[in-house]
Amino acid sequence: MATKSFYETMVIDTPEAAANLAKAIDDYEQYGAYRPGPTQGVCTDPEVIKKIKEAWQ
């Protein structure tokens, strides 16, 4: 359960943050809401997962 309200004041305190927000709004207006596609190529092989975990440690 969330402990904070979703409707909190957004702080745009740098030019980069303002540019990112402006780009996000422009992209939304041009392309619509982001709809992620189905995940492909998911591997459930325990040996492969173990090798990946070891590589990232």
PDB file of N, CA and C in Angstrom:
ATOM      1  N   MET A   1       0.845  -1.182   0.000  1.00  0.00           N
ATOM      2  CA  MET A   1       0.000   0.000   0.000  1.00  0.00           C
ATOM      3  C   MET A   1       0.889   1.244   0.000  1.00  0.00           C
ATOM      4  N   ALA A   2       0.509   2.202  -0.767  1.00  0.00           N
ATOM      5  CA  ALA A   2       1.290   3.435  -0.862  1.00  0.00           C
ATOM      6  C   ALA A   2       1.193   4.224   0.438  1.00  0.00           C
ATOM      7  N   THR A   3       2.300   4.832   0.806  1.00  0.00           N
ATOM      8  CA  THR A   3       2.311   5.634   2.030  1.00  0.00           C
ATOM      9  C   THR A   3       2.224   7.123   1.735  1.00  0.00           C
ATOM     10  N   LYS A   4       2.453   7.492   0.475  1.00  0.00           N
ATOM     11  CA  LYS A   4       2.369   8.898   0.095  1.00  0.00           C
ATOM     12  C   LYS A   4       1.307   9.073  -0.977  1.00  0.00           C
ATOM     13  N   SER A   5       0.750  10.235  -1.034  1.00  0.00           N
ATOM     14  CA  SER A   5      -0.245  10.542  -2.042  1.00  0.00           C
ATOM     15  C   SER A   5       0.403  10.610  -3.419  1.00  0.00           C
ATOM     16  N   PHE A   6      -0.305  10.111  -4.414  1.00  0.00           N
ATOM     17  CA  PHE A   6       0.180  10.216  -5.794  1.00  0.00           C
ATOM     18  C   PHE A   6       0.164  11.670  -6.245  1.00  0.00           C
ATOM     19  N   TYR A   7      -0.742  12.448  -5.714  1.00  0.00           N
ATOM     20  CA  TYR A   7      -0.911  13.828  -6.140  1.00  0.00           C
ATOM     21  C   TYR A   7      -0.071  14.767  -5.293  1.00  0.00           C
ATOM     22  N   GLU A   8       1.230  14.691  -5.457  1.00  0.00           N
ATOM     23  CA  GLU A   8       2.131  15.589  -4.750  1.00  0.00           C
ATOM     24  C   GLU A   8       2.713  16.589  -5.735  1.00  0.00           C
ATOM     25  N   THR A   9       3.213  17.685  -5.228  1.00  0.00           N
ATOM     26  CA  THR A   9       3.796  18.716  -6.061  1.00  0.00           C
ATOM     27  C   THR A   9       5.050  18.198  -6.754  1.00  0.00           C
ATOM     28  N   MET A  10       5.106  18.382  -8.069  1.00  0.00           N
ATOM     29  CA  MET A  10       6.276  17.975  -8.834  1.00  0.00           C
ATOM     30  C   MET A  10       7.283  19.125  -8.817  1.00  0.00           C
ATOM     31  N   VAL A  11       8.526  18.825  -8.513  1.00  0.00           N
ATOM     32  CA  VAL A  11       9.562  19.846  -8.439  1.00  0.00           C
ATOM     33  C   VAL A  11      10.397  19.775  -9.714  1.00  0.00           C
ATOM     34  N   ILE A  12      10.389  20.861 -10.457  1.00  0.00           N
ATOM     35  CA  ILE A  12      11.204  20.982 -11.664  1.00  0.00           C
ATOM     36  C   ILE A  12      12.257  22.033 -11.332  1.00  0.00           C
ATOM     37  N   ASP A  13      13.435  21.548 -10.868  1.00  0.00           N
ATOM     38  CA  ASP A  13      14.414  22.476 -10.316  1.00  0.00           C
ATOM     39  C   ASP A  13      15.661  22.668 -11.169  1.00  0.00           C
ATOM     40  N   THR A  14      15.732  22.023 -12.325  1.00  0.00           N
ATOM     41  CA  THR A  14      16.890  22.216 -13.200  1.00  0.00           C
ATOM     42  C   THR A  14      16.413  22.383 -14.635  1.00  0.00           C
ATOM     43  N   PRO A  15      17.212  23.018 -15.463  1.00  0.00           N
ATOM     44  CA  PRO A  15      16.844  23.138 -16.879  1.00  0.00           C
ATOM     45  C   PRO A  15      16.691  21.765 -17.545  1.00  0.00           C
ATOM     46  N   GLU A  16      17.513  20.800 -17.120  1.00  0.00           N
ATOM     47  CA  GLU A  16      17.413  19.457 -17.692  1.00  0.00           C
ATOM     48  C   GLU A  16      16.071  18.810 -17.337  1.00  0.00           C
ATOM     49  N   ALA A  17      15.634  18.973 -16.092  1.00  0.00           N
ATOM     50  CA  ALA A  17      14.348  18.421 -15.672  1.00  0.00           C
ATOM     51  C   ALA A  17      13.208  19.062 -16.462  1.00  0.00           C
ATOM     52  N   ALA A  18      13.291  20.360 -16.670  1.00  0.00           N
ATOM     53  CA  ALA A  18      12.264  21.055 -17.446  1.00  0.00           C
ATOM     54  C   ALA A  18      12.255  20.574 -18.895  1.00  0.00           C
ATOM     55  N   ALA A  19      13.436  20.366 -19.477  1.00  0.00           N
ATOM     56  CA  ALA A  19      13.518  19.877 -20.847  1.00  0.00           C
ATOM     57  C   ALA A  19      12.968  18.456 -20.960  1.00  0.00           C
ATOM     58  N   ASN A  20      13.278  17.605 -19.972  1.00  0.00           N
ATOM     59  CA  ASN A  20      12.755  16.234 -19.983  1.00  0.00           C
ATOM     60  C   ASN A  20      11.235  16.217 -19.890  1.00  0.00           C
ATOM     61  N   LEU A  21      10.679  17.061 -19.032  1.00  0.00           N
ATOM     62  CA  LEU A  21       9.226  17.135 -18.895  1.00  0.00           C
ATOM     63  C   LEU A  21       8.589  17.653 -20.178  1.00  0.00           C
ATOM     64  N   ALA A  22       9.177  18.684 -20.772  1.00  0.00           N
ATOM     65  CA  ALA A  22       8.647  19.226 -22.025  1.00  0.00           C
ATOM     66  C   ALA A  22       8.674  18.172 -23.133  1.00  0.00           C
ATOM     67  N   LYS A  23       9.758  17.401 -23.209  1.00  0.00           N
ATOM     68  CA  LYS A  23       9.853  16.346 -24.218  1.00  0.00           C
ATOM     69  C   LYS A  23       8.802  15.270 -23.970  1.00  0.00           C
ATOM     70  N   ALA A  24       8.605  14.904 -22.711  1.00  0.00           N
ATOM     71  CA  ALA A  24       7.603  13.888 -22.387  1.00  0.00           C
ATOM     72  C   ALA A  24       6.202  14.349 -22.789  1.00  0.00           C
ATOM     73  N   ILE A  25       5.901  15.610 -22.541  1.00  0.00           N
ATOM     74  CA  ILE A  25       4.592  16.149 -22.917  1.00  0.00           C
ATOM     75  C   ILE A  25       4.454  16.182 -24.432  1.00  0.00           C
ATOM     76  N   ASP A  26       5.482  16.629 -25.129  1.00  0.00           N
ATOM     77  CA  ASP A  26       5.443  16.660 -26.595  1.00  0.00           C
ATOM     78  C   ASP A  26       5.266  15.265 -27.183  1.00  0.00           C
ATOM     79  N   ASP A  27       6.014  14.290 -26.644  1.00  0.00           N
ATOM     80  CA  ASP A  27       5.899  12.911 -27.127  1.00  0.00           C
ATOM     81  C   ASP A  27       4.496  12.362 -26.879  1.00  0.00           C
ATOM     82  N   TYR A  28       3.923  12.676 -25.718  1.00  0.00           N
ATOM     83  CA  TYR A  28       2.565  12.224 -25.420  1.00  0.00           C
ATOM     84  C   TYR A  28       1.573  12.820 -26.406  1.00  0.00           C
ATOM     85  N   GLU A  29       1.720  14.116 -26.679  1.00  0.00           N
ATOM     86  CA  GLU A  29       0.801  14.767 -27.617  1.00  0.00           C
ATOM     87  C   GLU A  29       0.949  14.212 -29.034  1.00  0.00           C
ATOM     88  N   GLN A  30       2.175  13.861 -29.419  1.00  0.00           N
ATOM     89  CA  GLN A  30       2.416  13.369 -30.774  1.00  0.00           C
ATOM     90  C   GLN A  30       2.065  11.888 -30.927  1.00  0.00           C
ATOM     91  N   TYR A  31       2.458  11.052 -29.950  1.00  0.00           N
ATOM     92  CA  TYR A  31       2.323   9.604 -30.097  1.00  0.00           C
ATOM     93  C   TYR A  31       1.254   8.975 -29.208  1.00  0.00           C
ATOM     94  N   GLY A  32       0.752   9.703 -28.224  1.00  0.00           N
ATOM     95  CA  GLY A  32      -0.210   9.128 -27.289  1.00  0.00           C
ATOM     96  C   GLY A  32       0.500   8.487 -26.110  1.00  0.00           C
ATOM     97  N   ALA A  33      -0.278   7.824 -25.285  1.00  0.00           N
ATOM     98  CA  ALA A  33       0.267   7.200 -24.081  1.00  0.00           C
ATOM     99  C   ALA A  33       1.171   6.032 -24.449  1.00  0.00           C
ATOM    100  N   TYR A  34       2.181   5.801 -23.628  1.00  0.00           N
ATOM    101  CA  TYR A  34       3.102   4.690 -23.835  1.00  0.00           C
ATOM    102  C   TYR A  34       2.395   3.381 -23.519  1.00  0.00           C
ATOM    103  N   ARG A  35       2.445   2.451 -24.455  1.00  0.00           N
ATOM    104  CA  ARG A  35       1.851   1.129 -24.260  1.00  0.00           C
ATOM    105  C   ARG A  35       2.933   0.086 -24.505  1.00  0.00           C
ATOM    106  N   PRO A  36       3.495  -0.472 -23.454  1.00  0.00           N
ATOM    107  CA  PRO A  36       4.555  -1.462 -23.646  1.00  0.00           C
ATOM    108  C   PRO A  36       4.011  -2.720 -24.306  1.00  0.00           C
ATOM    109  N   GLY A  37       4.825  -3.296 -25.173  1.00  0.00           N
ATOM    110  CA  GLY A  37       4.432  -4.515 -25.859  1.00  0.00           C
ATOM    111  C   GLY A  37       4.701  -5.741 -25.009  1.00  0.00           C
ATOM    112  N   PRO A  38       4.354  -6.890 -25.532  1.00  0.00           N
ATOM    113  CA  PRO A  38       4.604  -8.120 -24.766  1.00  0.00           C
ATOM    114  C   PRO A  38       6.104  -8.403 -24.651  1.00  0.00           C
ATOM    115  N   THR A  39       6.478  -8.992 -23.547  1.00  0.00           N
ATOM    116  CA  THR A  39       7.873  -9.347 -23.323  1.00  0.00           C
ATOM    117  C   THR A  39       8.212 -10.576 -24.151  1.00  0.00           C
ATOM    118  N   GLN A  40       9.343 -10.521 -24.820  1.00  0.00           N
ATOM    119  CA  GLN A  40       9.751 -11.650 -25.647  1.00  0.00           C
ATOM    120  C   GLN A  40      11.116 -12.137 -25.191  1.00  0.00           C
ATOM    121  N   GLY A  41      11.346 -13.411 -25.362  1.00  0.00           N
ATOM    122  CA  GLY A  41      12.652 -13.967 -25.078  1.00  0.00           C
ATOM    123  C   GLY A  41      12.962 -14.119 -23.612  1.00  0.00           C
ATOM    124  N   VAL A  42      11.965 -14.344 -22.780  1.00  0.00           N
ATOM    125  CA  VAL A  42      12.198 -14.514 -21.356  1.00  0.00           C
ATOM    126  C   VAL A  42      12.792 -15.896 -21.118  1.00  0.00           C
ATOM    127  N   CYS A  43      13.867 -15.931 -20.384  1.00  0.00           N
ATOM    128  CA  CYS A  43      14.553 -17.189 -20.084  1.00  0.00           C
ATOM    129  C   CYS A  43      14.267 -17.574 -18.635  1.00  0.00           C
ATOM    130  N   THR A  44      13.814 -18.804 -18.453  1.00  0.00           N
ATOM    131  CA  THR A  44      13.543 -19.281 -17.096  1.00  0.00           C
ATOM    132  C   THR A  44      14.489 -20.409 -16.701  1.00  0.00           C
ATOM    133  N   ASP A  45      15.528 -20.616 -17.478  1.00  0.00           N
ATOM    134  CA  ASP A  45      16.501 -21.666 -17.184  1.00  0.00           C
ATOM    135  C   ASP A  45      17.337 -21.253 -15.969  1.00  0.00           C
ATOM    136  N   PRO A  46      17.272 -21.991 -14.872  1.00  0.00           N
ATOM    137  CA  PRO A  46      17.991 -21.612 -13.655  1.00  0.00           C
ATOM    138  C   PRO A  46      19.500 -21.476 -13.863  1.00  0.00           C
ATOM    139  N   GLU A  47      20.083 -22.286 -14.718  1.00  0.00           N
ATOM    140  CA  GLU A  47      21.526 -22.223 -14.954  1.00  0.00           C
ATOM    141  C   GLU A  47      21.912 -20.910 -15.634  1.00  0.00           C
ATOM    142  N   VAL A  48      21.123 -20.481 -16.589  1.00  0.00           N
ATOM    143  CA  VAL A  48      21.390 -19.210 -17.278  1.00  0.00           C
ATOM    144  C   VAL A  48      21.225 -18.048 -16.306  1.00  0.00           C
ATOM    145  N   ILE A  49      20.181 -18.085 -15.509  1.00  0.00           N
ATOM    146  CA  ILE A  49      19.947 -17.020 -14.521  1.00  0.00           C
ATOM    147  C   ILE A  49      21.103 -16.952 -13.532  1.00  0.00           C
ATOM    148  N   LYS A  50      21.594 -18.101 -13.110  1.00  0.00           N
ATOM    149  CA  LYS A  50      22.732 -18.144 -12.177  1.00  0.00           C
ATOM    150  C   LYS A  50      23.976 -17.512 -12.800  1.00  0.00           C
ATOM    151  N   LYS A  51      24.234 -17.807 -14.083  1.00  0.00           N
ATOM    152  CA  LYS A  51      25.394 -17.228 -14.769  1.00  0.00           C
ATOM    153  C   LYS A  51      25.271 -15.710 -14.889  1.00  0.00           C
ATOM    154  N   ILE A  52      24.075 -15.239 -15.147  1.00  0.00           N
ATOM    155  CA  ILE A  52      23.850 -13.790 -15.256  1.00  0.00           C
ATOM    156  C   ILE A  52      24.083 -13.122 -13.902  1.00  0.00           C
ATOM    157  N   LYS A  53      23.562 -13.713 -12.847  1.00  0.00           N
ATOM    158  CA  LYS A  53      23.754 -13.150 -11.496  1.00  0.00           C
ATOM    159  C   LYS A  53      25.229 -13.099 -11.132  1.00  0.00           C
ATOM    160  N   GLU A  54      25.961 -14.176 -11.458  1.00  0.00           N
ATOM    161  CA  GLU A  54      27.394 -14.202 -11.163  1.00  0.00           C
ATOM    162  C   GLU A  54      28.144 -13.143 -11.947  1.00  0.00           C
ATOM    163  N   ALA A  55      27.756 -12.898 -13.181  1.00  0.00           N
ATOM    164  CA  ALA A  55      28.420 -11.909 -14.015  1.00  0.00           C
ATOM    165  C   ALA A  55      28.203 -10.492 -13.487  1.00  0.00           C
ATOM    166  N   TRP A  56      27.073 -10.237 -12.815  1.00  0.00           N
ATOM    167  CA  TRP A  56      26.756  -8.898 -12.333  1.00  0.00           C
ATOM    168  C   TRP A  56      27.241  -8.649 -10.914  1.00  0.00           C
ATOM    169  N   GLN A  57      27.897  -9.604 -10.303  1.00  0.00           N
ATOM    170  CA  GLN A  57      28.367  -9.391  -8.940  1.00  0.00           C
ATOM    171  C   GLN A  57      29.749  -8.842  -8.902  1.00  0.00           C
TER     172      GLN A  57
END
